Amino acid sequence: MPSEKLVPTPIGDARVVTRRARTPSATLVLTHGAGGGIDAADLVRIAADLPGQGISVSLVEMPWRVQGKKLAPRPAVIDESYLAVLAALRPSSPFLLGGRSAGARSACRIGAQAGAVGVLALSFPLHPPGRPEKSRLPELLGADLPTLVVQGERDPFGRPEEFPDDVELAVVPAADHGMKVPRSAPLSQDDALAVIREAVLEWITREVVGNRLG
């Protein structure tokens, strides 16, 4: 069963929902995007499946969502809030930091400072839709940590082919920014979530568990 706790930040309490592995080899901390919550399908699937594979997962609902607000504050405030949560949580080492969309951007910006050993970027918003000149690639490359980007094939915030070749990328066929696939897709919605789960599990096993044993 998951555990829940409220964690104070400078802009109010965040809510953290944790599913612990019986004998964890790593901890993954994830947060949501600017306009979504921790009920996003990819976050839910990761949190449900990875603890059974030895990886504890904490989902962080940021204070503005807890307060019922729909719009996120500016990036610096997101980072400050995420760092406050991590300082209070003191996640077991080794831990990986991540999120989806705006949460992925924040994880890239603060991961090294927070002591993470890797960053998981779900639906990284490489640029605003239709504005490729407004690239956020420097944030992604500036993480200075092993990073996995999990990107939908049809994501208007950045299609997989727009990322540099040296970015480790897992592509979800036919998926959009919310990792949703149309009925005409070559795979079901559940299959798309399974692709995400397997990519994340393989990467964590390789980057964290494999390196510790190596």
N, C-alpha and C. Protein backbone atom coordinates (compact mmCIF):
# COMPACT_ATOMS: atom_id res chain seq x y z
N MET A 1 0.85 -1.20 0.00
CA MET A 1 0.00 0.00 0.00
C MET A 1 0.88 1.25 0.00
N PRO A 2 0.48 2.28 -0.75
CA PRO A 2 1.28 3.50 -0.75
C PRO A 2 1.12 4.27 0.55
N SER A 3 2.13 5.05 0.87
CA SER A 3 2.06 5.96 2.02
C SER A 3 2.00 7.38 1.49
N GLU A 4 1.35 8.26 2.26
CA GLU A 4 1.23 9.66 1.86
C GLU A 4 1.70 10.56 2.99
N LYS A 5 2.30 11.68 2.61
CA LYS A 5 2.69 12.67 3.60
C LYS A 5 2.68 14.04 2.95
N LEU A 6 2.46 15.06 3.78
CA LEU A 6 2.56 16.44 3.34
C LEU A 6 3.94 16.96 3.72
N VAL A 7 4.56 17.66 2.78
CA VAL A 7 5.91 18.18 2.98
C VAL A 7 5.89 19.68 2.78
N PRO A 8 6.36 20.47 3.75
CA PRO A 8 6.31 21.93 3.59
C PRO A 8 7.32 22.43 2.55
N THR A 9 6.91 23.44 1.79
CA THR A 9 7.80 24.14 0.87
C THR A 9 7.56 25.63 1.08
N PRO A 10 8.36 26.49 0.48
CA PRO A 10 8.16 27.94 0.67
C PRO A 10 6.83 28.46 0.16
N ILE A 11 6.14 27.70 -0.68
CA ILE A 11 4.85 28.18 -1.21
C ILE A 11 3.68 27.30 -0.77
N GLY A 12 3.88 26.50 0.27
CA GLY A 12 2.81 25.65 0.77
C GLY A 12 3.22 24.19 0.77
N ASP A 13 2.32 23.35 1.26
CA ASP A 13 2.62 21.93 1.38
C ASP A 13 2.53 21.21 0.04
N ALA A 14 3.49 20.34 -0.20
CA ALA A 14 3.43 19.38 -1.30
C ALA A 14 2.93 18.05 -0.73
N ARG A 15 2.35 17.23 -1.60
CA ARG A 15 1.89 15.91 -1.18
C ARG A 15 2.76 14.85 -1.86
N VAL A 16 3.27 13.94 -1.07
CA VAL A 16 4.16 12.91 -1.61
C VAL A 16 3.52 11.54 -1.37
N VAL A 17 3.35 10.80 -2.45
CA VAL A 17 2.79 9.45 -2.40
C VAL A 17 3.92 8.48 -2.75
N THR A 18 4.21 7.57 -1.84
CA THR A 18 5.36 6.67 -1.99
C THR A 18 4.93 5.22 -1.98
N ARG A 19 5.45 4.48 -2.93
CA ARG A 19 5.33 3.02 -2.93
C ARG A 19 6.74 2.46 -2.77
N ARG A 20 6.96 1.74 -1.69
CA ARG A 20 8.29 1.26 -1.38
C ARG A 20 8.49 -0.18 -1.84
N ALA A 21 9.65 -0.43 -2.40
CA ALA A 21 10.04 -1.80 -2.73
C ALA A 21 10.42 -2.53 -1.45
N ARG A 22 10.26 -3.83 -1.45
CA ARG A 22 10.58 -4.61 -0.25
C ARG A 22 12.06 -4.51 0.08
N THR A 23 12.91 -4.68 -0.90
CA THR A 23 14.35 -4.53 -0.73
C THR A 23 14.85 -3.63 -1.87
N PRO A 24 14.74 -2.32 -1.71
CA PRO A 24 15.02 -1.41 -2.82
C PRO A 24 16.49 -1.35 -3.22
N SER A 25 16.71 -1.35 -4.53
CA SER A 25 18.06 -1.14 -5.06
C SER A 25 18.24 0.32 -5.47
N ALA A 26 17.15 1.05 -5.60
CA ALA A 26 17.18 2.47 -5.98
C ALA A 26 15.84 3.10 -5.64
N THR A 27 15.83 4.42 -5.63
CA THR A 27 14.60 5.19 -5.41
C THR A 27 14.43 6.17 -6.57
N LEU A 28 13.21 6.26 -7.08
CA LEU A 28 12.88 7.18 -8.16
C LEU A 28 11.86 8.18 -7.64
N VAL A 29 12.19 9.47 -7.75
CA VAL A 29 11.29 10.54 -7.33
C VAL A 29 10.84 11.28 -8.59
N LEU A 30 9.52 11.42 -8.75
CA LEU A 30 8.95 12.02 -9.95
C LEU A 30 7.91 13.07 -9.60
N THR A 31 7.82 14.09 -10.44
CA THR A 31 6.74 15.06 -10.29
C THR A 31 6.04 15.27 -11.64
N HIS A 32 4.97 16.01 -11.60
CA HIS A 32 4.08 16.18 -12.75
C HIS A 32 4.46 17.40 -13.58
N GLY A 33 3.66 17.65 -14.61
CA GLY A 33 3.86 18.80 -15.47
C GLY A 33 3.19 20.05 -14.95
N ALA A 34 3.27 21.12 -15.73
CA ALA A 34 2.75 22.41 -15.29
C ALA A 34 1.24 22.40 -15.09
N GLY A 35 0.53 21.70 -15.97
CA GLY A 35 -0.93 21.73 -15.88
C GLY A 35 -1.57 20.42 -15.47
N GLY A 36 -0.75 19.43 -15.14
CA GLY A 36 -1.28 18.12 -14.78
C GLY A 36 -0.98 17.76 -13.34
N GLY A 37 -1.23 16.51 -13.00
CA GLY A 37 -0.98 16.05 -11.64
C GLY A 37 -0.32 14.69 -11.64
N ILE A 38 -0.22 14.10 -10.46
CA ILE A 38 0.44 12.80 -10.34
C ILE A 38 -0.48 11.65 -10.75
N ASP A 39 -1.68 12.01 -11.25
CA ASP A 39 -2.56 10.99 -11.80
C ASP A 39 -2.31 10.77 -13.29
N ALA A 40 -1.27 11.39 -13.85
CA ALA A 40 -0.90 11.15 -15.25
C ALA A 40 -0.63 9.67 -15.44
N ALA A 41 -1.09 9.12 -16.57
CA ALA A 41 -1.05 7.68 -16.77
C ALA A 41 0.35 7.10 -16.69
N ASP A 42 1.35 7.79 -17.23
CA ASP A 42 2.70 7.25 -17.19
C ASP A 42 3.26 7.24 -15.78
N LEU A 43 2.98 8.30 -15.00
CA LEU A 43 3.44 8.32 -13.61
C LEU A 43 2.78 7.21 -12.80
N VAL A 44 1.49 7.03 -13.01
CA VAL A 44 0.76 5.99 -12.28
C VAL A 44 1.31 4.61 -12.60
N ARG A 45 1.58 4.35 -13.88
CA ARG A 45 2.08 3.04 -14.28
C ARG A 45 3.47 2.76 -13.70
N ILE A 46 4.34 3.74 -13.75
CA ILE A 46 5.68 3.58 -13.19
C ILE A 46 5.61 3.31 -11.70
N ALA A 47 4.78 4.09 -10.99
CA ALA A 47 4.67 3.93 -9.54
C ALA A 47 4.05 2.60 -9.16
N ALA A 48 3.18 2.07 -10.00
CA ALA A 48 2.53 0.79 -9.70
C ALA A 48 3.46 -0.40 -9.95
N ASP A 49 4.29 -0.30 -10.99
CA ASP A 49 5.04 -1.47 -11.43
C ASP A 49 6.47 -1.58 -10.90
N LEU A 50 7.15 -0.45 -10.73
CA LEU A 50 8.57 -0.54 -10.41
C LEU A 50 8.88 -1.04 -9.00
N PRO A 51 8.06 -0.74 -7.98
CA PRO A 51 8.38 -1.28 -6.66
C PRO A 51 8.49 -2.81 -6.64
N GLY A 52 7.71 -3.49 -7.45
CA GLY A 52 7.82 -4.94 -7.54
C GLY A 52 9.11 -5.41 -8.17
N GLN A 53 9.83 -4.49 -8.80
CA GLN A 53 11.12 -4.78 -9.41
C GLN A 53 12.28 -4.23 -8.58
N GLY A 54 12.01 -3.88 -7.35
CA GLY A 54 13.08 -3.44 -6.45
C GLY A 54 13.39 -1.95 -6.49
N ILE A 55 12.50 -1.14 -7.06
CA ILE A 55 12.73 0.30 -7.15
C ILE A 55 11.58 1.03 -6.46
N SER A 56 11.87 1.72 -5.37
CA SER A 56 10.85 2.52 -4.69
C SER A 56 10.54 3.76 -5.52
N VAL A 57 9.28 4.19 -5.49
CA VAL A 57 8.85 5.34 -6.30
C VAL A 57 8.06 6.31 -5.43
N SER A 58 8.47 7.58 -5.47
CA SER A 58 7.73 8.65 -4.81
C SER A 58 7.21 9.62 -5.85
N LEU A 59 5.90 9.89 -5.82
CA LEU A 59 5.29 10.87 -6.70
C LEU A 59 5.02 12.14 -5.91
N VAL A 60 5.48 13.27 -6.43
CA VAL A 60 5.38 14.55 -5.73
C VAL A 60 4.31 15.43 -6.39
N GLU A 61 3.24 15.70 -5.64
CA GLU A 61 2.23 16.65 -6.09
C GLU A 61 2.60 18.02 -5.55
N MET A 62 2.92 18.93 -6.45
CA MET A 62 3.44 20.23 -6.05
C MET A 62 2.37 21.08 -5.36
N PRO A 63 2.83 22.08 -4.57
CA PRO A 63 1.89 22.84 -3.73
C PRO A 63 0.74 23.48 -4.48
N TRP A 64 0.98 24.01 -5.69
CA TRP A 64 -0.12 24.68 -6.40
C TRP A 64 -1.22 23.70 -6.77
N ARG A 65 -0.85 22.45 -7.03
CA ARG A 65 -1.86 21.42 -7.32
C ARG A 65 -2.60 21.05 -6.04
N VAL A 66 -1.88 20.93 -4.94
CA VAL A 66 -2.51 20.62 -3.66
C VAL A 66 -3.53 21.72 -3.31
N GLN A 67 -3.21 22.96 -3.67
CA GLN A 67 -4.08 24.10 -3.38
C GLN A 67 -5.21 24.25 -4.40
N GLY A 68 -5.23 23.39 -5.42
CA GLY A 68 -6.30 23.43 -6.40
C GLY A 68 -6.07 24.40 -7.55
N LYS A 69 -4.87 24.94 -7.65
CA LYS A 69 -4.56 25.86 -8.73
C LYS A 69 -4.18 25.09 -9.99
N LYS A 70 -4.52 25.64 -11.14
CA LYS A 70 -4.26 24.94 -12.40
C LYS A 70 -2.95 25.34 -13.06
N LEU A 71 -2.46 26.54 -12.75
CA LEU A 71 -1.27 27.04 -13.42
C LEU A 71 -0.06 26.99 -12.49
N ALA A 72 1.05 26.52 -13.03
CA ALA A 72 2.27 26.43 -12.25
C ALA A 72 2.94 27.80 -12.12
N PRO A 73 3.73 28.01 -11.08
CA PRO A 73 4.49 29.25 -10.96
C PRO A 73 5.69 29.24 -11.92
N ARG A 74 6.51 30.26 -11.85
CA ARG A 74 7.66 30.35 -12.74
C ARG A 74 8.68 29.25 -12.41
N PRO A 75 9.55 28.91 -13.35
CA PRO A 75 10.48 27.79 -13.16
C PRO A 75 11.31 27.85 -11.88
N ALA A 76 11.78 29.03 -11.50
CA ALA A 76 12.61 29.13 -10.30
C ALA A 76 11.84 28.69 -9.05
N VAL A 77 10.54 28.99 -9.02
CA VAL A 77 9.71 28.60 -7.87
C VAL A 77 9.45 27.09 -7.89
N ILE A 78 9.27 26.53 -9.08
CA ILE A 78 9.12 25.07 -9.19
C ILE A 78 10.37 24.39 -8.64
N ASP A 79 11.53 24.88 -9.05
CA ASP A 79 12.79 24.28 -8.59
C ASP A 79 12.94 24.39 -7.08
N GLU A 80 12.63 25.56 -6.55
CA GLU A 80 12.73 25.77 -5.10
C GLU A 80 11.82 24.81 -4.35
N SER A 81 10.61 24.61 -4.86
CA SER A 81 9.66 23.71 -4.22
C SER A 81 10.15 22.27 -4.27
N TYR A 82 10.65 21.86 -5.45
CA TYR A 82 11.12 20.48 -5.61
C TYR A 82 12.32 20.22 -4.70
N LEU A 83 13.23 21.18 -4.60
CA LEU A 83 14.39 21.02 -3.72
C LEU A 83 13.97 20.93 -2.25
N ALA A 84 12.95 21.69 -1.87
CA ALA A 84 12.46 21.63 -0.49
C ALA A 84 11.88 20.26 -0.19
N VAL A 85 11.15 19.70 -1.14
CA VAL A 85 10.59 18.36 -0.96
C VAL A 85 11.71 17.33 -0.81
N LEU A 86 12.70 17.41 -1.65
CA LEU A 86 13.79 16.44 -1.60
C LEU A 86 14.59 16.56 -0.31
N ALA A 87 14.79 17.77 0.18
CA ALA A 87 15.50 17.96 1.44
C ALA A 87 14.75 17.32 2.60
N ALA A 88 13.42 17.40 2.54
CA ALA A 88 12.61 16.80 3.61
C ALA A 88 12.52 15.29 3.47
N LEU A 89 12.44 14.81 2.23
CA LEU A 89 12.29 13.37 1.99
C LEU A 89 13.57 12.61 2.30
N ARG A 90 14.70 13.21 1.94
CA ARG A 90 15.98 12.51 2.04
C ARG A 90 15.89 11.11 1.43
N PRO A 91 15.59 11.04 0.14
CA PRO A 91 15.39 9.73 -0.48
C PRO A 91 16.61 8.83 -0.36
N SER A 92 16.35 7.54 -0.25
CA SER A 92 17.43 6.58 -0.08
C SER A 92 18.36 6.62 -1.28
N SER A 93 19.63 6.50 -0.98
CA SER A 93 20.64 6.50 -2.04
C SER A 93 20.85 5.08 -2.55
N PRO A 94 21.05 4.91 -3.86
CA PRO A 94 21.04 5.95 -4.89
C PRO A 94 19.61 6.33 -5.28
N PHE A 95 19.43 7.60 -5.63
CA PHE A 95 18.10 7.99 -6.09
C PHE A 95 18.20 8.71 -7.42
N LEU A 96 17.13 8.58 -8.19
CA LEU A 96 17.00 9.23 -9.49
C LEU A 96 15.87 10.24 -9.41
N LEU A 97 16.05 11.34 -10.11
CA LEU A 97 15.06 12.41 -10.07
C LEU A 97 14.45 12.59 -11.45
N GLY A 98 13.17 12.87 -11.47
CA GLY A 98 12.55 13.05 -12.78
C GLY A 98 11.19 13.70 -12.69
N GLY A 99 10.51 13.66 -13.82
CA GLY A 99 9.19 14.22 -13.92
C GLY A 99 8.73 14.19 -15.36
N ARG A 100 7.53 14.68 -15.56
CA ARG A 100 7.02 14.78 -16.93
C ARG A 100 6.86 16.25 -17.30
N SER A 101 7.20 16.57 -18.54
CA SER A 101 7.05 17.91 -19.09
C SER A 101 7.79 18.95 -18.24
N ALA A 102 7.09 19.92 -17.66
CA ALA A 102 7.76 20.93 -16.84
C ALA A 102 8.50 20.30 -15.67
N GLY A 103 7.98 19.19 -15.16
CA GLY A 103 8.67 18.49 -14.08
C GLY A 103 9.98 17.89 -14.53
N ALA A 104 10.04 17.47 -15.80
CA ALA A 104 11.29 16.96 -16.37
C ALA A 104 12.31 18.08 -16.49
N ARG A 105 11.85 19.26 -16.91
CA ARG A 105 12.76 20.40 -17.00
C ARG A 105 13.35 20.72 -15.63
N SER A 106 12.52 20.73 -14.62
CA SER A 106 13.00 21.03 -13.28
C SER A 106 14.01 19.99 -12.81
N ALA A 107 13.74 18.73 -13.07
CA ALA A 107 14.66 17.67 -12.67
C ALA A 107 16.02 17.84 -13.34
N CYS A 108 16.02 18.26 -14.60
CA CYS A 108 17.28 18.51 -15.30
C CYS A 108 18.05 19.66 -14.65
N ARG A 109 17.33 20.67 -14.21
CA ARG A 109 17.98 21.86 -13.64
C ARG A 109 18.55 21.60 -12.26
N ILE A 110 17.88 20.75 -11.45
CA ILE A 110 18.29 20.62 -10.04
C ILE A 110 18.84 19.25 -9.69
N GLY A 111 18.81 18.30 -10.62
CA GLY A 111 19.18 16.93 -10.28
C GLY A 111 20.55 16.80 -9.66
N ALA A 112 21.57 17.40 -10.26
CA ALA A 112 22.93 17.30 -9.73
C ALA A 112 23.02 17.97 -8.36
N GLN A 113 22.41 19.14 -8.22
CA GLN A 113 22.42 19.85 -6.94
C GLN A 113 21.77 19.03 -5.84
N ALA A 114 20.73 18.29 -6.19
CA ALA A 114 19.99 17.50 -5.20
C ALA A 114 20.69 16.20 -4.84
N GLY A 115 21.71 15.82 -5.59
CA GLY A 115 22.44 14.58 -5.30
C GLY A 115 21.92 13.37 -6.03
N ALA A 116 21.09 13.57 -7.07
CA ALA A 116 20.58 12.44 -7.85
C ALA A 116 21.71 11.82 -8.66
N VAL A 117 21.53 10.56 -9.01
CA VAL A 117 22.53 9.87 -9.84
C VAL A 117 22.08 9.79 -11.30
N GLY A 118 20.86 10.24 -11.58
CA GLY A 118 20.36 10.23 -12.94
C GLY A 118 19.06 11.00 -13.01
N VAL A 119 18.66 11.35 -14.25
CA VAL A 119 17.43 12.12 -14.48
C VAL A 119 16.56 11.38 -15.48
N LEU A 120 15.29 11.24 -15.15
CA LEU A 120 14.29 10.66 -16.04
C LEU A 120 13.38 11.77 -16.54
N ALA A 121 13.40 12.00 -17.85
CA ALA A 121 12.61 13.08 -18.46
C ALA A 121 11.51 12.48 -19.31
N LEU A 122 10.29 12.52 -18.80
CA LEU A 122 9.12 12.02 -19.52
C LEU A 122 8.49 13.17 -20.29
N SER A 123 8.31 13.01 -21.59
CA SER A 123 7.71 14.05 -22.43
C SER A 123 8.44 15.38 -22.25
N PHE A 124 9.74 15.36 -22.45
CA PHE A 124 10.51 16.59 -22.28
C PHE A 124 10.04 17.63 -23.30
N PRO A 125 9.65 18.84 -22.84
CA PRO A 125 9.15 19.87 -23.77
C PRO A 125 10.31 20.60 -24.42
N LEU A 126 10.82 20.02 -25.48
CA LEU A 126 12.00 20.57 -26.14
C LEU A 126 11.79 22.00 -26.62
N HIS A 127 10.56 22.32 -26.99
CA HIS A 127 10.20 23.67 -27.41
C HIS A 127 8.69 23.81 -27.33
N PRO A 128 8.16 25.04 -27.29
CA PRO A 128 6.70 25.20 -27.38
C PRO A 128 6.21 24.68 -28.73
N PRO A 129 4.99 24.18 -28.80
CA PRO A 129 4.48 23.67 -30.08
C PRO A 129 4.58 24.70 -31.20
N GLY A 130 5.16 24.27 -32.30
CA GLY A 130 5.30 25.15 -33.45
C GLY A 130 6.38 26.20 -33.33
N ARG A 131 7.19 26.14 -32.26
CA ARG A 131 8.24 27.14 -32.05
C ARG A 131 9.59 26.47 -31.81
N PRO A 132 10.11 25.74 -32.77
CA PRO A 132 11.37 25.02 -32.57
C PRO A 132 12.55 25.93 -32.27
N GLU A 133 12.43 27.21 -32.64
CA GLU A 133 13.53 28.14 -32.36
C GLU A 133 13.66 28.45 -30.87
N LYS A 134 12.60 28.18 -30.10
CA LYS A 134 12.62 28.40 -28.65
C LYS A 134 13.08 27.12 -27.95
N SER A 135 14.26 26.66 -28.26
CA SER A 135 14.74 25.36 -27.78
C SER A 135 15.11 25.38 -26.30
N ARG A 136 14.73 24.31 -25.62
CA ARG A 136 15.11 24.12 -24.22
C ARG A 136 16.18 23.04 -24.10
N LEU A 137 16.83 22.74 -25.21
CA LEU A 137 17.87 21.72 -25.21
C LEU A 137 18.98 22.01 -24.19
N PRO A 138 19.39 23.27 -24.01
CA PRO A 138 20.43 23.52 -23.00
C PRO A 138 20.06 23.03 -21.60
N GLU A 139 18.78 23.09 -21.25
CA GLU A 139 18.37 22.57 -19.94
C GLU A 139 18.60 21.06 -19.87
N LEU A 140 18.22 20.37 -20.93
CA LEU A 140 18.37 18.92 -20.96
C LEU A 140 19.83 18.53 -20.89
N LEU A 141 20.65 19.14 -21.73
CA LEU A 141 22.06 18.79 -21.77
C LEU A 141 22.80 19.29 -20.52
N GLY A 142 22.24 20.32 -19.87
CA GLY A 142 22.88 20.86 -18.68
C GLY A 142 22.66 20.03 -17.42
N ALA A 143 21.90 18.95 -17.51
CA ALA A 143 21.68 18.12 -16.33
C ALA A 143 22.99 17.56 -15.80
N ASP A 144 23.92 17.28 -16.70
CA ASP A 144 25.25 16.77 -16.32
C ASP A 144 25.14 15.47 -15.51
N LEU A 145 24.12 14.68 -15.84
CA LEU A 145 23.90 13.38 -15.21
C LEU A 145 23.40 12.43 -16.30
N PRO A 146 23.56 11.12 -16.11
CA PRO A 146 22.90 10.20 -17.05
C PRO A 146 21.42 10.51 -17.12
N THR A 147 20.91 10.66 -18.34
CA THR A 147 19.52 11.10 -18.54
C THR A 147 18.84 10.24 -19.58
N LEU A 148 17.62 9.82 -19.26
CA LEU A 148 16.78 9.12 -20.22
C LEU A 148 15.59 10.00 -20.55
N VAL A 149 15.38 10.24 -21.85
CA VAL A 149 14.19 10.94 -22.32
C VAL A 149 13.22 9.91 -22.88
N VAL A 150 11.99 9.91 -22.39
CA VAL A 150 10.94 9.05 -22.92
C VAL A 150 9.95 9.96 -23.65
N GLN A 151 9.88 9.83 -24.97
CA GLN A 151 9.16 10.81 -25.77
C GLN A 151 8.16 10.13 -26.69
N GLY A 152 6.97 10.70 -26.78
CA GLY A 152 5.97 10.22 -27.71
C GLY A 152 6.36 10.53 -29.14
N GLU A 153 6.02 9.64 -30.04
CA GLU A 153 6.37 9.80 -31.45
C GLU A 153 5.70 11.03 -32.06
N ARG A 154 4.53 11.42 -31.52
CA ARG A 154 3.78 12.55 -32.08
C ARG A 154 3.76 13.76 -31.14
N ASP A 155 4.73 13.88 -30.28
CA ASP A 155 4.73 14.96 -29.29
C ASP A 155 4.99 16.31 -29.97
N PRO A 156 4.02 17.24 -29.93
CA PRO A 156 4.22 18.54 -30.59
C PRO A 156 5.24 19.42 -29.86
N PHE A 157 5.59 19.06 -28.64
CA PHE A 157 6.61 19.80 -27.89
C PHE A 157 8.02 19.34 -28.25
N GLY A 158 8.13 18.41 -29.16
CA GLY A 158 9.43 17.90 -29.58
C GLY A 158 9.32 16.45 -30.00
N ARG A 159 9.37 16.22 -31.31
CA ARG A 159 9.34 14.84 -31.79
C ARG A 159 10.70 14.19 -31.59
N PRO A 160 10.75 12.87 -31.49
CA PRO A 160 12.03 12.20 -31.22
C PRO A 160 13.15 12.59 -32.17
N GLU A 161 12.83 12.78 -33.45
CA GLU A 161 13.87 13.09 -34.43
C GLU A 161 14.46 14.48 -34.24
N GLU A 162 13.84 15.31 -33.40
CA GLU A 162 14.38 16.64 -33.14
C GLU A 162 15.47 16.65 -32.09
N PHE A 163 15.62 15.55 -31.37
CA PHE A 163 16.65 15.48 -30.34
C PHE A 163 17.99 15.08 -30.94
N PRO A 164 19.10 15.57 -30.39
CA PRO A 164 20.41 15.17 -30.88
C PRO A 164 20.65 13.67 -30.72
N ASP A 165 21.51 13.12 -31.55
CA ASP A 165 21.76 11.69 -31.52
C ASP A 165 22.38 11.21 -30.21
N ASP A 166 23.07 12.09 -29.49
CA ASP A 166 23.73 11.65 -28.26
C ASP A 166 22.81 11.69 -27.05
N VAL A 167 21.53 12.06 -27.23
CA VAL A 167 20.55 12.00 -26.15
C VAL A 167 19.96 10.59 -26.10
N GLU A 168 20.01 9.95 -24.93
CA GLU A 168 19.41 8.62 -24.80
C GLU A 168 17.89 8.76 -24.82
N LEU A 169 17.28 8.12 -25.80
CA LEU A 169 15.87 8.36 -26.07
C LEU A 169 15.12 7.04 -26.19
N ALA A 170 13.99 6.95 -25.50
CA ALA A 170 13.06 5.84 -25.68
C ALA A 170 11.80 6.41 -26.32
N VAL A 171 11.44 5.88 -27.47
CA VAL A 171 10.31 6.40 -28.24
C VAL A 171 9.06 5.56 -27.99
N VAL A 172 7.96 6.24 -27.71
CA VAL A 172 6.67 5.57 -27.53
C VAL A 172 5.88 5.73 -28.82
N PRO A 173 5.69 4.67 -29.59
CA PRO A 173 5.05 4.79 -30.91
C PRO A 173 3.66 5.42 -30.82
N ALA A 174 3.42 6.37 -31.72
CA ALA A 174 2.11 7.01 -31.91
C ALA A 174 1.65 7.87 -30.74
N ALA A 175 2.44 8.00 -29.69
CA ALA A 175 2.00 8.72 -28.49
C ALA A 175 2.18 10.23 -28.64
N ASP A 176 1.30 11.00 -27.99
CA ASP A 176 1.40 12.45 -27.97
C ASP A 176 2.09 12.91 -26.69
N HIS A 177 1.97 14.19 -26.36
CA HIS A 177 2.67 14.73 -25.18
C HIS A 177 2.18 14.10 -23.89
N GLY A 178 0.91 13.72 -23.86
CA GLY A 178 0.35 13.07 -22.68
C GLY A 178 0.50 11.56 -22.70
N MET A 179 1.28 11.05 -23.67
CA MET A 179 1.52 9.61 -23.87
C MET A 179 0.23 8.87 -24.26
N LYS A 180 -0.70 9.61 -24.84
CA LYS A 180 -1.93 8.97 -25.33
C LYS A 180 -1.74 8.56 -26.79
N VAL A 181 -2.30 7.40 -27.14
CA VAL A 181 -2.22 6.94 -28.53
C VAL A 181 -3.64 6.88 -29.11
N PRO A 182 -3.79 7.16 -30.40
CA PRO A 182 -5.12 7.11 -31.02
C PRO A 182 -5.58 5.67 -31.22
N ARG A 183 -6.87 5.51 -31.45
CA ARG A 183 -7.41 4.17 -31.66
C ARG A 183 -6.80 3.49 -32.88
N SER A 184 -6.35 4.29 -33.84
CA SER A 184 -5.75 3.73 -35.05
C SER A 184 -4.29 3.36 -34.89
N ALA A 185 -3.74 3.56 -33.70
CA ALA A 185 -2.32 3.30 -33.47
C ALA A 185 -2.01 1.81 -33.58
N PRO A 186 -0.76 1.47 -33.88
CA PRO A 186 -0.38 0.06 -33.99
C PRO A 186 -0.26 -0.66 -32.65
N LEU A 187 -0.50 0.07 -31.55
CA LEU A 187 -0.46 -0.54 -30.23
C LEU A 187 -1.56 0.08 -29.38
N SER A 188 -1.95 -0.64 -28.33
CA SER A 188 -3.01 -0.15 -27.44
C SER A 188 -2.43 0.84 -26.44
N GLN A 189 -3.32 1.52 -25.72
CA GLN A 189 -2.86 2.44 -24.69
C GLN A 189 -2.08 1.70 -23.62
N ASP A 190 -2.54 0.53 -23.25
CA ASP A 190 -1.83 -0.25 -22.24
C ASP A 190 -0.45 -0.68 -22.75
N ASP A 191 -0.37 -1.02 -24.03
CA ASP A 191 0.92 -1.37 -24.61
C ASP A 191 1.88 -0.19 -24.59
N ALA A 192 1.35 1.01 -24.86
CA ALA A 192 2.19 2.20 -24.84
C ALA A 192 2.76 2.45 -23.45
N LEU A 193 1.94 2.27 -22.42
CA LEU A 193 2.42 2.43 -21.05
C LEU A 193 3.43 1.35 -20.69
N ALA A 194 3.25 0.16 -21.26
CA ALA A 194 4.22 -0.92 -21.03
C ALA A 194 5.56 -0.58 -21.64
N VAL A 195 5.56 0.09 -22.80
CA VAL A 195 6.81 0.53 -23.42
C VAL A 195 7.55 1.47 -22.48
N ILE A 196 6.81 2.40 -21.89
CA ILE A 196 7.42 3.34 -20.94
C ILE A 196 8.00 2.61 -19.75
N ARG A 197 7.20 1.74 -19.18
CA ARG A 197 7.64 0.99 -18.00
C ARG A 197 8.90 0.19 -18.26
N GLU A 198 8.94 -0.51 -19.39
CA GLU A 198 10.11 -1.33 -19.71
C GLU A 198 11.34 -0.48 -19.97
N ALA A 199 11.17 0.65 -20.66
CA ALA A 199 12.31 1.52 -20.94
C ALA A 199 12.90 2.08 -19.65
N VAL A 200 12.02 2.52 -18.74
CA VAL A 200 12.49 3.09 -17.48
C VAL A 200 13.16 2.04 -16.63
N LEU A 201 12.57 0.87 -16.54
CA LEU A 201 13.14 -0.21 -15.74
C LEU A 201 14.50 -0.63 -16.27
N GLU A 202 14.60 -0.80 -17.59
CA GLU A 202 15.88 -1.21 -18.18
C GLU A 202 16.96 -0.17 -17.92
N TRP A 203 16.60 1.10 -18.07
CA TRP A 203 17.58 2.17 -17.88
C TRP A 203 18.06 2.24 -16.44
N ILE A 204 17.14 2.19 -15.49
CA ILE A 204 17.54 2.25 -14.08
C ILE A 204 18.38 1.04 -13.71
N THR A 205 17.98 -0.12 -14.18
CA THR A 205 18.74 -1.34 -13.89
C THR A 205 20.16 -1.23 -14.44
N ARG A 206 20.30 -0.69 -15.63
CA ARG A 206 21.60 -0.55 -16.26
C ARG A 206 22.43 0.54 -15.60
N GLU A 207 21.84 1.70 -15.39
CA GLU A 207 22.60 2.86 -14.90
C GLU A 207 22.91 2.80 -13.42
N VAL A 208 22.00 2.25 -12.63
CA VAL A 208 22.19 2.25 -11.18
C VAL A 208 22.61 0.89 -10.66
N VAL A 209 21.76 -0.10 -10.86
CA VAL A 209 22.04 -1.42 -10.31
C VAL A 209 23.28 -2.02 -10.98
N GLY A 210 23.35 -1.93 -12.30
CA GLY A 210 24.51 -2.48 -13.01
C GLY A 210 25.79 -1.81 -12.63
N ASN A 211 25.79 -0.48 -12.48
CA ASN A 211 27.00 0.24 -12.12
C ASN A 211 27.45 -0.08 -10.70
N ARG A 212 26.50 -0.33 -9.80
CA ARG A 212 26.87 -0.68 -8.43
C ARG A 212 27.52 -2.05 -8.35
N LEU A 213 27.06 -2.94 -9.24
CA LEU A 213 27.61 -4.30 -9.24
C LEU A 213 28.91 -4.38 -10.03
N GLY A 214 29.09 -3.40 -10.95
CA GLY A 214 30.22 -3.43 -11.86
C GLY A 214 31.53 -2.99 -11.26
